[in-house]
Amino acid sequence: MGCLFCNVLEKKIPADVIYEDEHAVAFRDIRPMAPTHVLVIPRKHIAAIHDLTEEDVATMGRVMLAAKAVAHQEGLEAGGYRLVINDGDAAGQTVHHIHVHVLGGRNLTWPPG
């Protein structure tokens, strides 16, 4: 079945998509860790941060702008929000398609875990 998030992009797996443009798609996490927990993924498959190349600069910039748009759409700007990218298994990356977690809606503690 391949990459879980690629299957979301191809609409083979349902997702609660709340934002999309030509570069990125955002959908609600199925196991939210905050009142607002949205995943923003690039349409291009990139497994992780350590796989990024110079050719991915524009893609990742667009993903970050999509995360900003999601935070605005979800009303998180006033109270603040957190963007997280996990890189590798030890960091908690469970789907190996790079993604940004947009977390908010409550006070977030530090360190995160």
C-alpha atoms as a PDB file:
ATOM      1  CA  MET A   1       0.000   0.000   0.000  1.00  0.00           C
ATOM      2  CA  GLY A   2       3.046   2.272   0.219  1.00  0.00           C
ATOM      3  CA  CYS A   3       3.317   5.534   2.103  1.00  0.00           C
ATOM      4  CA  LEU A   4       0.318   6.306   4.314  1.00  0.00           C
ATOM      5  CA  PHE A   5       0.415  10.030   3.550  1.00  0.00           C
ATOM      6  CA  CYS A   6       0.873   9.458  -0.190  1.00  0.00           C
ATOM      7  CA  ASN A   7      -2.293   7.349   0.032  1.00  0.00           C
ATOM      8  CA  VAL A   8      -4.049  10.298   1.703  1.00  0.00           C
ATOM      9  CA  LEU A   9      -2.870  12.534  -1.142  1.00  0.00           C
ATOM     10  CA  GLU A  10      -4.187  10.035  -3.689  1.00  0.00           C
ATOM     11  CA  LYS A  11      -7.495   9.830  -1.759  1.00  0.00           C
ATOM     12  CA  LYS A  12      -7.023   6.094  -1.221  1.00  0.00           C
ATOM     13  CA  ILE A  13      -7.351   6.702   2.531  1.00  0.00           C
ATOM     14  CA  PRO A  14      -9.898   9.151   3.950  1.00  0.00           C
ATOM     15  CA  ALA A  15      -8.698  12.157   5.924  1.00  0.00           C
ATOM     16  CA  ASP A  16     -10.331  15.239   7.419  1.00  0.00           C
ATOM     17  CA  VAL A  17      -8.651  17.660   5.002  1.00  0.00           C
ATOM     18  CA  ILE A  18      -8.940  21.264   6.169  1.00  0.00           C
ATOM     19  CA  TYR A  19      -6.526  22.990   3.769  1.00  0.00           C
ATOM     20  CA  GLU A  20      -4.925  22.279   0.445  1.00  0.00           C
ATOM     21  CA  ASP A  21      -3.111  24.096  -2.297  1.00  0.00           C
ATOM     22  CA  GLU A  22      -0.879  23.040  -5.171  1.00  0.00           C
ATOM     23  CA  HIS A  23       2.057  22.414  -2.803  1.00  0.00           C
ATOM     24  CA  ALA A  24       0.633  21.046   0.446  1.00  0.00           C
ATOM     25  CA  VAL A  25      -2.315  19.345   2.121  1.00  0.00           C
ATOM     26  CA  ALA A  26      -3.364  19.675   5.763  1.00  0.00           C
ATOM     27  CA  PHE A  27      -5.602  17.316   7.701  1.00  0.00           C
ATOM     28  CA  ARG A  28      -6.555  16.659  11.308  1.00  0.00           C
ATOM     29  CA  ASP A  29      -4.409  14.140  13.188  1.00  0.00           C
ATOM     30  CA  ILE A  30      -6.347  10.973  14.071  1.00  0.00           C
ATOM     31  CA  ARG A  31      -4.661  10.909  17.524  1.00  0.00           C
ATOM     32  CA  PRO A  32      -4.602  14.579  18.537  1.00  0.00           C
ATOM     33  CA  MET A  33      -2.197  15.697  21.265  1.00  0.00           C
ATOM     34  CA  ALA A  34      -3.818  19.137  21.606  1.00  0.00           C
ATOM     35  CA  PRO A  35      -7.278  20.591  20.958  1.00  0.00           C
ATOM     36  CA  THR A  36      -5.974  21.594  17.526  1.00  0.00           C
ATOM     37  CA  HIS A  37      -3.598  19.087  15.958  1.00  0.00           C
ATOM     38  CA  VAL A  38      -3.220  19.288  12.206  1.00  0.00           C
ATOM     39  CA  LEU A  39      -0.625  17.641   9.959  1.00  0.00           C
ATOM     40  CA  VAL A  40       0.689  19.573   6.964  1.00  0.00           C
ATOM     41  CA  ILE A  41       2.386  17.488   4.271  1.00  0.00           C
ATOM     42  CA  PRO A  42       4.017  18.352   0.978  1.00  0.00           C
ATOM     43  CA  ARG A  43       2.481  16.841  -2.128  1.00  0.00           C
ATOM     44  CA  LYS A  44       5.992  15.654  -3.009  1.00  0.00           C
ATOM     45  CA  HIS A  45       7.102  12.574  -1.090  1.00  0.00           C
ATOM     46  CA  ILE A  46      10.129  13.382   1.060  1.00  0.00           C
ATOM     47  CA  ALA A  47      10.725  10.820   3.806  1.00  0.00           C
ATOM     48  CA  ALA A  48      12.306  13.061   6.464  1.00  0.00           C
ATOM     49  CA  ILE A  49      14.334  16.179   7.193  1.00  0.00           C
ATOM     50  CA  HIS A  50      17.560  14.254   6.693  1.00  0.00           C
ATOM     51  CA  ASP A  51      16.441  13.492   3.114  1.00  0.00           C
ATOM     52  CA  LEU A  52      15.989  17.145   2.118  1.00  0.00           C
ATOM     53  CA  THR A  53      18.084  18.520  -0.727  1.00  0.00           C
ATOM     54  CA  GLU A  54      18.598  21.977  -2.196  1.00  0.00           C
ATOM     55  CA  GLU A  55      15.807  21.108  -4.637  1.00  0.00           C
ATOM     56  CA  ASP A  56      13.337  20.920  -1.719  1.00  0.00           C
ATOM     57  CA  VAL A  57      13.849  24.474  -0.428  1.00  0.00           C
ATOM     58  CA  ALA A  58      10.799  25.885  -2.216  1.00  0.00           C
ATOM     59  CA  THR A  59       8.664  22.865  -1.301  1.00  0.00           C
ATOM     60  CA  MET A  60       9.425  23.190   2.404  1.00  0.00           C
ATOM     61  CA  GLY A  61       8.906  26.937   2.300  1.00  0.00           C
ATOM     62  CA  ARG A  62       5.440  26.322   0.858  1.00  0.00           C
ATOM     63  CA  VAL A  63       4.742  23.721   3.561  1.00  0.00           C
ATOM     64  CA  MET A  64       5.639  26.271   6.252  1.00  0.00           C
ATOM     65  CA  LEU A  65       3.372  28.880   4.642  1.00  0.00           C
ATOM     66  CA  ALA A  66       0.600  26.273   4.558  1.00  0.00           C
ATOM     67  CA  ALA A  67       1.176  25.624   8.289  1.00  0.00           C
ATOM     68  CA  LYS A  68       0.880  29.370   8.918  1.00  0.00           C
ATOM     69  CA  ALA A  69      -2.369  29.452   6.916  1.00  0.00           C
ATOM     70  CA  VAL A  70      -3.737  26.518   8.936  1.00  0.00           C
ATOM     71  CA  ALA A  71      -2.874  28.256  12.219  1.00  0.00           C
ATOM     72  CA  HIS A  72      -4.695  31.373  11.026  1.00  0.00           C
ATOM     73  CA  GLN A  73      -7.677  29.366   9.768  1.00  0.00           C
ATOM     74  CA  GLU A  74      -7.914  27.548  13.111  1.00  0.00           C
ATOM     75  CA  GLY A  75      -7.727  30.789  15.114  1.00  0.00           C
ATOM     76  CA  LEU A  76      -4.426  29.954  16.812  1.00  0.00           C
ATOM     77  CA  GLU A  77      -2.523  33.175  16.140  1.00  0.00           C
ATOM     78  CA  ALA A  78      -3.706  35.144  19.183  1.00  0.00           C
ATOM     79  CA  GLY A  79      -2.880  32.480  21.766  1.00  0.00           C
ATOM     80  CA  GLY A  80       0.124  31.012  20.002  1.00  0.00           C
ATOM     81  CA  TYR A  81       0.857  27.621  18.513  1.00  0.00           C
ATOM     82  CA  ARG A  82       3.679  25.161  17.997  1.00  0.00           C
ATOM     83  CA  LEU A  83       5.080  23.700  14.780  1.00  0.00           C
ATOM     84  CA  VAL A  84       6.894  20.361  15.141  1.00  0.00           C
ATOM     85  CA  ILE A  85       8.782  18.208  12.647  1.00  0.00           C
ATOM     86  CA  ASN A  86      10.033  14.848  13.931  1.00  0.00           C
ATOM     87  CA  ASP A  87      13.025  13.348  12.111  1.00  0.00           C
ATOM     88  CA  GLY A  88      13.445   9.602  12.446  1.00  0.00           C
ATOM     89  CA  ASP A  89      12.103   6.877  14.691  1.00  0.00           C
ATOM     90  CA  ALA A  90      13.864   8.021  17.879  1.00  0.00           C
ATOM     91  CA  ALA A  91      12.246  11.448  17.495  1.00  0.00           C
ATOM     92  CA  GLY A  92       8.788   9.916  17.190  1.00  0.00           C
ATOM     93  CA  GLN A  93       8.353  10.004  13.417  1.00  0.00           C
ATOM     94  CA  THR A  94       5.885   7.208  12.701  1.00  0.00           C
ATOM     95  CA  VAL A  95       5.034   8.045   9.083  1.00  0.00           C
ATOM     96  CA  HIS A  96       8.058   8.512   6.869  1.00  0.00           C
ATOM     97  CA  HIS A  97       6.655  11.322   4.732  1.00  0.00           C
ATOM     98  CA  ILE A  98       7.854  14.646   6.088  1.00  0.00           C
ATOM     99  CA  HIS A  99       5.105  16.520   7.910  1.00  0.00           C
ATOM    100  CA  VAL A 100       4.618  19.490  10.163  1.00  0.00           C
ATOM    101  CA  HIS A 101       2.426  19.171  13.246  1.00  0.00           C
ATOM    102  CA  VAL A 102       0.432  22.338  13.961  1.00  0.00           C
ATOM    103  CA  LEU A 103      -0.472  22.205  17.663  1.00  0.00           C
ATOM    104  CA  GLY A 104      -2.509  24.694  19.656  1.00  0.00           C
ATOM    105  CA  GLY A 105      -5.637  25.438  21.573  1.00  0.00           C
ATOM    106  CA  ARG A 106      -4.052  25.025  25.020  1.00  0.00           C
ATOM    107  CA  ASN A 107      -0.882  26.001  26.842  1.00  0.00           C
ATOM    108  CA  LEU A 108       1.925  23.811  25.559  1.00  0.00           C
ATOM    109  CA  THR A 109       4.653  22.880  28.027  1.00  0.00           C
ATOM    110  CA  TRP A 110       8.398  22.608  27.459  1.00  0.00           C
ATOM    111  CA  PRO A 111      10.302  20.381  27.136  1.00  0.00           C
ATOM    112  CA  PRO A 112       7.871  18.446  24.982  1.00  0.00           C
ATOM    113  CA  GLY A 113       8.628  14.889  26.029  1.00  0.00           C
END
